[in-house]
């Protein structure tokens, strides 16, 4: 079973494809990416989740925190 990372402070222009690519370019396997949208407007809310294998989460946090 994998882990789900909360990713906050995303640009409203960020897409699921671009977020997944960011993690993959850093060398991490990504199982799924979800960017949360507002129910009423359909616009992104500025945060999302990245699901990845259990062992990669700590390394991903260390490598990508603040980017």
PDB file of N, CA and C in Angstrom:
ATOM      1  N   UNK A   1       0.839  -1.181   0.000  1.00  0.00           N
ATOM      2  CA  UNK A   1       0.000   0.000   0.000  1.00  0.00           C
ATOM      3  C   UNK A   1       0.881   1.240   0.000  1.00  0.00           C
ATOM      4  N   UNK A   2       0.458   2.280  -0.712  1.00  0.00           N
ATOM      5  CA  UNK A   2       1.240   3.491  -0.817  1.00  0.00           C
ATOM      6  C   UNK A   2       0.839   4.539   0.194  1.00  0.00           C
ATOM      7  N   UNK A   3       1.448   5.695   0.045  1.00  0.00           N
ATOM      8  CA  UNK A   3       1.178   6.835   0.917  1.00  0.00           C
ATOM      9  C   UNK A   3       0.631   7.985   0.100  1.00  0.00           C
ATOM     10  N   UNK A   4      -0.137   8.829   0.745  1.00  0.00           N
ATOM     11  CA  UNK A   4      -0.715  10.001   0.104  1.00  0.00           C
ATOM     12  C   UNK A   4      -0.108  11.237   0.745  1.00  0.00           C
ATOM     13  N   UNK A   5       0.543  12.065  -0.062  1.00  0.00           N
ATOM     14  CA  UNK A   5       1.142  13.309   0.428  1.00  0.00           C
ATOM     15  C   UNK A   5       0.231  14.487   0.115  1.00  0.00           C
ATOM     16  N   UNK A   6       0.028  15.346   1.096  1.00  0.00           N
ATOM     17  CA  UNK A   6      -0.677  16.604   0.880  1.00  0.00           C
ATOM     18  C   UNK A   6       0.305  17.581   0.259  1.00  0.00           C
ATOM     19  N   UNK A   7      -0.099  18.225  -0.820  1.00  0.00           N
ATOM     20  CA  UNK A   7       0.740  19.222  -1.495  1.00  0.00           C
ATOM     21  C   UNK A   7      -0.024  20.540  -1.467  1.00  0.00           C
ATOM     22  N   UNK A   8       0.498  21.515  -0.757  1.00  0.00           N
ATOM     23  CA  UNK A   8      -0.197  22.783  -0.605  1.00  0.00           C
ATOM     24  C   UNK A   8       0.495  23.925  -1.329  1.00  0.00           C
ATOM     25  N   UNK A   9      -0.183  25.055  -1.356  1.00  0.00           N
ATOM     26  CA  UNK A   9       0.333  26.291  -1.940  1.00  0.00           C
ATOM     27  C   UNK A   9       0.654  26.144  -3.421  1.00  0.00           C
ATOM     28  N   UNK A  10      -0.199  25.402  -4.131  1.00  0.00           N
ATOM     29  CA  UNK A  10      -0.009  25.222  -5.575  1.00  0.00           C
ATOM     30  C   UNK A  10      -0.536  26.437  -6.331  1.00  0.00           C
ATOM     31  N   UNK A  11       0.129  26.760  -7.412  1.00  0.00           N
ATOM     32  CA  UNK A  11      -0.374  27.784  -8.321  1.00  0.00           C
ATOM     33  C   UNK A  11      -1.699  27.295  -8.895  1.00  0.00           C
ATOM     34  N   UNK A  12      -2.617  28.192  -9.152  1.00  0.00           N
ATOM     35  CA  UNK A  12      -3.895  27.809  -9.738  1.00  0.00           C
ATOM     36  C   UNK A  12      -3.737  27.302 -11.171  1.00  0.00           C
ATOM     37  N   UNK A  13      -2.570  27.516 -11.761  1.00  0.00           N
ATOM     38  CA  UNK A  13      -2.286  27.022 -13.111  1.00  0.00           C
ATOM     39  C   UNK A  13      -1.729  25.604 -13.108  1.00  0.00           C
ATOM     40  N   UNK A  14      -1.433  25.053 -11.945  1.00  0.00           N
ATOM     41  CA  UNK A  14      -0.863  23.710 -11.851  1.00  0.00           C
ATOM     42  C   UNK A  14      -1.895  22.675 -12.272  1.00  0.00           C
ATOM     43  N   UNK A  15      -1.458  21.731 -13.104  1.00  0.00           N
ATOM     44  CA  UNK A  15      -2.322  20.632 -13.528  1.00  0.00           C
ATOM     45  C   UNK A  15      -1.837  19.340 -12.893  1.00  0.00           C
ATOM     46  N   UNK A  16      -2.678  18.326 -12.940  1.00  0.00           N
ATOM     47  CA  UNK A  16      -2.283  17.022 -12.419  1.00  0.00           C
ATOM     48  C   UNK A  16      -1.087  16.475 -13.200  1.00  0.00           C
ATOM     49  N   UNK A  17      -1.072  16.704 -14.496  1.00  0.00           N
ATOM     50  CA  UNK A  17       0.036  16.231 -15.338  1.00  0.00           C
ATOM     51  C   UNK A  17       1.341  16.938 -14.972  1.00  0.00           C
ATOM     52  N   UNK A  18       1.287  18.239 -14.763  1.00  0.00           N
ATOM     53  CA  UNK A  18       2.522  18.971 -14.444  1.00  0.00           C
ATOM     54  C   UNK A  18       3.031  18.612 -13.048  1.00  0.00           C
ATOM     55  N   UNK A  19       2.124  18.401 -12.092  1.00  0.00           N
ATOM     56  CA  UNK A  19       2.535  18.021 -10.744  1.00  0.00           C
ATOM     57  C   UNK A  19       3.159  16.627 -10.742  1.00  0.00           C
ATOM     58  N   UNK A  20       2.558  15.710 -11.459  1.00  0.00           N
ATOM     59  CA  UNK A  20       3.117  14.360 -11.577  1.00  0.00           C
ATOM     60  C   UNK A  20       4.499  14.415 -12.217  1.00  0.00           C
ATOM     61  N   UNK A  21       4.643  15.203 -13.268  1.00  0.00           N
ATOM     62  CA  UNK A  21       5.927  15.354 -13.948  1.00  0.00           C
ATOM     63  C   UNK A  21       7.002  15.915 -13.037  1.00  0.00           C
ATOM     64  N   UNK A  22       6.634  16.839 -12.169  1.00  0.00           N
ATOM     65  CA  UNK A  22       7.588  17.438 -11.234  1.00  0.00           C
ATOM     66  C   UNK A  22       8.171  16.362 -10.314  1.00  0.00           C
ATOM     67  N   UNK A  23       7.321  15.511  -9.792  1.00  0.00           N
ATOM     68  CA  UNK A  23       7.783  14.432  -8.918  1.00  0.00           C
ATOM     69  C   UNK A  23       8.592  13.395  -9.693  1.00  0.00           C
ATOM     70  N   UNK A  24       8.145  13.063 -10.891  1.00  0.00           N
ATOM     71  CA  UNK A  24       8.867  12.063 -11.692  1.00  0.00           C
ATOM     72  C   UNK A  24      10.237  12.559 -12.128  1.00  0.00           C
ATOM     73  N   UNK A  25      10.359  13.845 -12.463  1.00  0.00           N
ATOM     74  CA  UNK A  25      11.666  14.400 -12.835  1.00  0.00           C
ATOM     75  C   UNK A  25      12.635  14.358 -11.662  1.00  0.00           C
ATOM     76  N   UNK A  26      12.102  14.398 -10.453  1.00  0.00           N
ATOM     77  CA  UNK A  26      12.943  14.310  -9.256  1.00  0.00           C
ATOM     78  C   UNK A  26      13.295  12.859  -8.934  1.00  0.00           C
ATOM     79  N   UNK A  27      12.781  11.917  -9.727  1.00  0.00           N
ATOM     80  CA  UNK A  27      13.143  10.513  -9.573  1.00  0.00           C
ATOM     81  C   UNK A  27      12.187   9.678  -8.748  1.00  0.00           C
ATOM     82  N   UNK A  28      10.970  10.147  -8.538  1.00  0.00           N
ATOM     83  CA  UNK A  28      10.008   9.419  -7.718  1.00  0.00           C
ATOM     84  C   UNK A  28       8.916   8.801  -8.581  1.00  0.00           C
ATOM     85  N   UNK A  29       8.497   7.606  -8.176  1.00  0.00           N
ATOM     86  CA  UNK A  29       7.381   6.941  -8.844  1.00  0.00           C
ATOM     87  C   UNK A  29       6.090   7.510  -8.285  1.00  0.00           C
ATOM     88  N   UNK A  30       5.186   7.907  -9.159  1.00  0.00           N
ATOM     89  CA  UNK A  30       3.908   8.475  -8.747  1.00  0.00           C
ATOM     90  C   UNK A  30       2.797   7.549  -9.223  1.00  0.00           C
ATOM     91  N   UNK A  31       1.933   7.144  -8.294  1.00  0.00           N
ATOM     92  CA  UNK A  31       0.820   6.277  -8.643  1.00  0.00           C
ATOM     93  C   UNK A  31      -0.403   7.070  -9.084  1.00  0.00           C
ATOM     94  N   UNK A  32      -0.636   8.208  -8.436  1.00  0.00           N
ATOM     95  CA  UNK A  32      -1.835   8.995  -8.743  1.00  0.00           C
ATOM     96  C   UNK A  32      -1.658  10.419  -8.228  1.00  0.00           C
ATOM     97  N   UNK A  33      -2.222  11.370  -8.956  1.00  0.00           N
ATOM     98  CA  UNK A  33      -2.204  12.774  -8.544  1.00  0.00           C
ATOM     99  C   UNK A  33      -3.632  13.305  -8.597  1.00  0.00           C
ATOM    100  N   UNK A  34      -4.008  14.047  -7.573  1.00  0.00           N
ATOM    101  CA  UNK A  34      -5.334  14.661  -7.536  1.00  0.00           C
ATOM    102  C   UNK A  34      -5.179  16.112  -7.106  1.00  0.00           C
ATOM    103  N   UNK A  35      -5.690  17.030  -7.917  1.00  0.00           N
ATOM    104  CA  UNK A  35      -5.749  18.440  -7.534  1.00  0.00           C
ATOM    105  C   UNK A  35      -7.207  18.729  -7.199  1.00  0.00           C
ATOM    106  N   UNK A  36      -7.431  19.302  -6.029  1.00  0.00           N
ATOM    107  CA  UNK A  36      -8.783  19.529  -5.537  1.00  0.00           C
ATOM    108  C   UNK A  36      -9.354  20.802  -6.147  1.00  0.00           C
ATOM    109  N   UNK A  37     -10.580  20.683  -6.676  1.00  0.00           N
ATOM    110  CA  UNK A  37     -11.281  21.816  -7.267  1.00  0.00           C
ATOM    111  C   UNK A  37     -12.462  22.215  -6.393  1.00  0.00           C
ATOM    112  N   UNK A  38     -12.802  23.492  -6.453  1.00  0.00           N
ATOM    113  CA  UNK A  38     -13.967  24.002  -5.747  1.00  0.00           C
ATOM    114  C   UNK A  38     -15.239  23.411  -6.367  1.00  0.00           C
ATOM    115  N   UNK A  39     -16.160  22.962  -5.550  1.00  0.00           N
ATOM    116  CA  UNK A  39     -17.391  22.342  -6.056  1.00  0.00           C
ATOM    117  C   UNK A  39     -18.276  23.321  -6.822  1.00  0.00           C
ATOM    118  N   UNK A  40     -18.329  24.547  -6.393  1.00  0.00           N
ATOM    119  CA  UNK A  40     -19.232  25.515  -7.011  1.00  0.00           C
ATOM    120  C   UNK A  40     -18.659  26.135  -8.282  1.00  0.00           C
ATOM    121  N   UNK A  41     -17.372  26.486  -8.254  1.00  0.00           N
ATOM    122  CA  UNK A  41     -16.784  27.188  -9.395  1.00  0.00           C
ATOM    123  C   UNK A  41     -16.002  26.273 -10.330  1.00  0.00           C
ATOM    124  N   UNK A  42     -15.565  25.124  -9.821  1.00  0.00           N
ATOM    125  CA  UNK A  42     -14.747  24.220 -10.637  1.00  0.00           C
ATOM    126  C   UNK A  42     -13.291  24.640 -10.729  1.00  0.00           C
ATOM    127  N   UNK A  43     -12.936  25.740 -10.094  1.00  0.00           N
ATOM    128  CA  UNK A  43     -11.552  26.228 -10.125  1.00  0.00           C
ATOM    129  C   UNK A  43     -10.708  25.494  -9.090  1.00  0.00           C
ATOM    130  N   UNK A  44      -9.413  25.348  -9.362  1.00  0.00           N
ATOM    131  CA  UNK A  44      -8.528  24.699  -8.387  1.00  0.00           C
ATOM    132  C   UNK A  44      -8.491  25.480  -7.077  1.00  0.00           C
ATOM    133  N   UNK A  45      -8.330  24.748  -5.983  1.00  0.00           N
ATOM    134  CA  UNK A  45      -8.301  25.366  -4.652  1.00  0.00           C
ATOM    135  C   UNK A  45      -6.885  25.606  -4.148  1.00  0.00           C
ATOM    136  N   UNK A  46      -5.862  25.214  -4.930  1.00  0.00           N
ATOM    137  CA  UNK A  46      -4.482  25.495  -4.536  1.00  0.00           C
ATOM    138  C   UNK A  46      -3.803  24.395  -3.753  1.00  0.00           C
ATOM    139  N   UNK A  47      -4.429  23.226  -3.698  1.00  0.00           N
ATOM    140  CA  UNK A  47      -3.786  22.093  -3.036  1.00  0.00           C
ATOM    141  C   UNK A  47      -4.214  20.795  -3.706  1.00  0.00           C
ATOM    142  N   UNK A  48      -3.466  19.745  -3.392  1.00  0.00           N
ATOM    143  CA  UNK A  48      -3.782  18.442  -3.967  1.00  0.00           C
ATOM    144  C   UNK A  48      -3.072  17.337  -3.211  1.00  0.00           C
ATOM    145  N   UNK A  49      -3.080  16.159  -3.801  1.00  0.00           N
ATOM    146  CA  UNK A  49      -2.489  14.981  -3.181  1.00  0.00           C
ATOM    147  C   UNK A  49      -1.701  14.200  -4.215  1.00  0.00           C
ATOM    148  N   UNK A  50      -0.579  13.638  -3.788  1.00  0.00           N
ATOM    149  CA  UNK A  50       0.240  12.773  -4.628  1.00  0.00           C
ATOM    150  C   UNK A  50       0.342  11.432  -3.917  1.00  0.00           C
ATOM    151  N   UNK A  51      -0.050  10.373  -4.612  1.00  0.00           N
ATOM    152  CA  UNK A  51       0.059   9.028  -4.053  1.00  0.00           C
ATOM    153  C   UNK A  51       1.285   8.355  -4.646  1.00  0.00           C
ATOM    154  N   UNK A  52       2.084   7.737  -3.760  1.00  0.00           N
ATOM    155  CA  UNK A  52       3.328   7.102  -4.178  1.00  0.00           C
ATOM    156  C   UNK A  52       3.627   5.925  -3.262  1.00  0.00           C
ATOM    157  N   UNK A  53       4.577   5.070  -3.652  1.00  0.00           N
ATOM    158  CA  UNK A  53       4.935   3.936  -2.799  1.00  0.00           C
ATOM    159  C   UNK A  53       5.382   4.398  -1.410  1.00  0.00           C
ATOM    160  N   UNK A  54       5.068   3.595  -0.426  1.00  0.00           N
ATOM    161  CA  UNK A  54       5.318   3.914   0.985  1.00  0.00           C
ATOM    162  C   UNK A  54       6.746   4.388   1.260  1.00  0.00           C
ATOM    163  N   UNK A  55       7.740   3.713   0.716  1.00  0.00           N
ATOM    164  CA  UNK A  55       9.123   4.029   1.022  1.00  0.00           C
ATOM    165  C   UNK A  55       9.639   5.336   0.435  1.00  0.00           C
ATOM    166  N   UNK A  56       8.929   5.916  -0.534  1.00  0.00           N
ATOM    167  CA  UNK A  56       9.405   7.126  -1.207  1.00  0.00           C
ATOM    168  C   UNK A  56       8.958   8.425  -0.549  1.00  0.00           C
ATOM    169  N   UNK A  57       8.017   8.370   0.358  1.00  0.00           N
ATOM    170  CA  UNK A  57       7.424   9.607   0.853  1.00  0.00           C
ATOM    171  C   UNK A  57       8.403  10.489   1.616  1.00  0.00           C
ATOM    172  N   UNK A  58       9.172   9.914   2.521  1.00  0.00           N
ATOM    173  CA  UNK A  58      10.119  10.734   3.290  1.00  0.00           C
ATOM    174  C   UNK A  58      11.171  11.371   2.388  1.00  0.00           C
ATOM    175  N   UNK A  59      11.658  10.605   1.424  1.00  0.00           N
ATOM    176  CA  UNK A  59      12.659  11.130   0.487  1.00  0.00           C
ATOM    177  C   UNK A  59      12.057  12.245  -0.366  1.00  0.00           C
ATOM    178  N   UNK A  60      10.820  12.078  -0.804  1.00  0.00           N
ATOM    179  CA  UNK A  60      10.157  13.107  -1.607  1.00  0.00           C
ATOM    180  C   UNK A  60       9.948  14.389  -0.812  1.00  0.00           C
ATOM    181  N   UNK A  61       9.557  14.245   0.441  1.00  0.00           N
ATOM    182  CA  UNK A  61       9.368  15.424   1.285  1.00  0.00           C
ATOM    183  C   UNK A  61      10.687  16.165   1.455  1.00  0.00           C
ATOM    184  N   UNK A  62      11.756  15.437   1.729  1.00  0.00           N
ATOM    185  CA  UNK A  62      13.068  16.064   1.911  1.00  0.00           C
ATOM    186  C   UNK A  62      13.549  16.736   0.630  1.00  0.00           C
ATOM    187  N   UNK A  63      13.355  16.076  -0.496  1.00  0.00           N
ATOM    188  CA  UNK A  63      13.892  16.579  -1.759  1.00  0.00           C
ATOM    189  C   UNK A  63      13.081  17.748  -2.326  1.00  0.00           C
ATOM    190  N   UNK A  64      11.760  17.745  -2.129  1.00  0.00           N
ATOM    191  CA  UNK A  64      10.927  18.712  -2.824  1.00  0.00           C
ATOM    192  C   UNK A  64      10.259  19.758  -1.916  1.00  0.00           C
ATOM    193  N   UNK A  65      10.494  19.690  -0.626  1.00  0.00           N
ATOM    194  CA  UNK A  65       9.877  20.657   0.285  1.00  0.00           C
ATOM    195  C   UNK A  65      10.304  22.081  -0.086  1.00  0.00           C
ATOM    196  N   UNK A  66       9.332  22.954  -0.237  1.00  0.00           N
ATOM    197  CA  UNK A  66       9.617  24.356  -0.521  1.00  0.00           C
ATOM    198  C   UNK A  66       9.728  24.700  -1.994  1.00  0.00           C
ATOM    199  N   UNK A  67       9.556  23.730  -2.868  1.00  0.00           N
ATOM    200  CA  UNK A  67       9.676  24.024  -4.303  1.00  0.00           C
ATOM    201  C   UNK A  67       8.361  24.445  -4.856  1.00  0.00           C
TER     202      UNK A  67
END
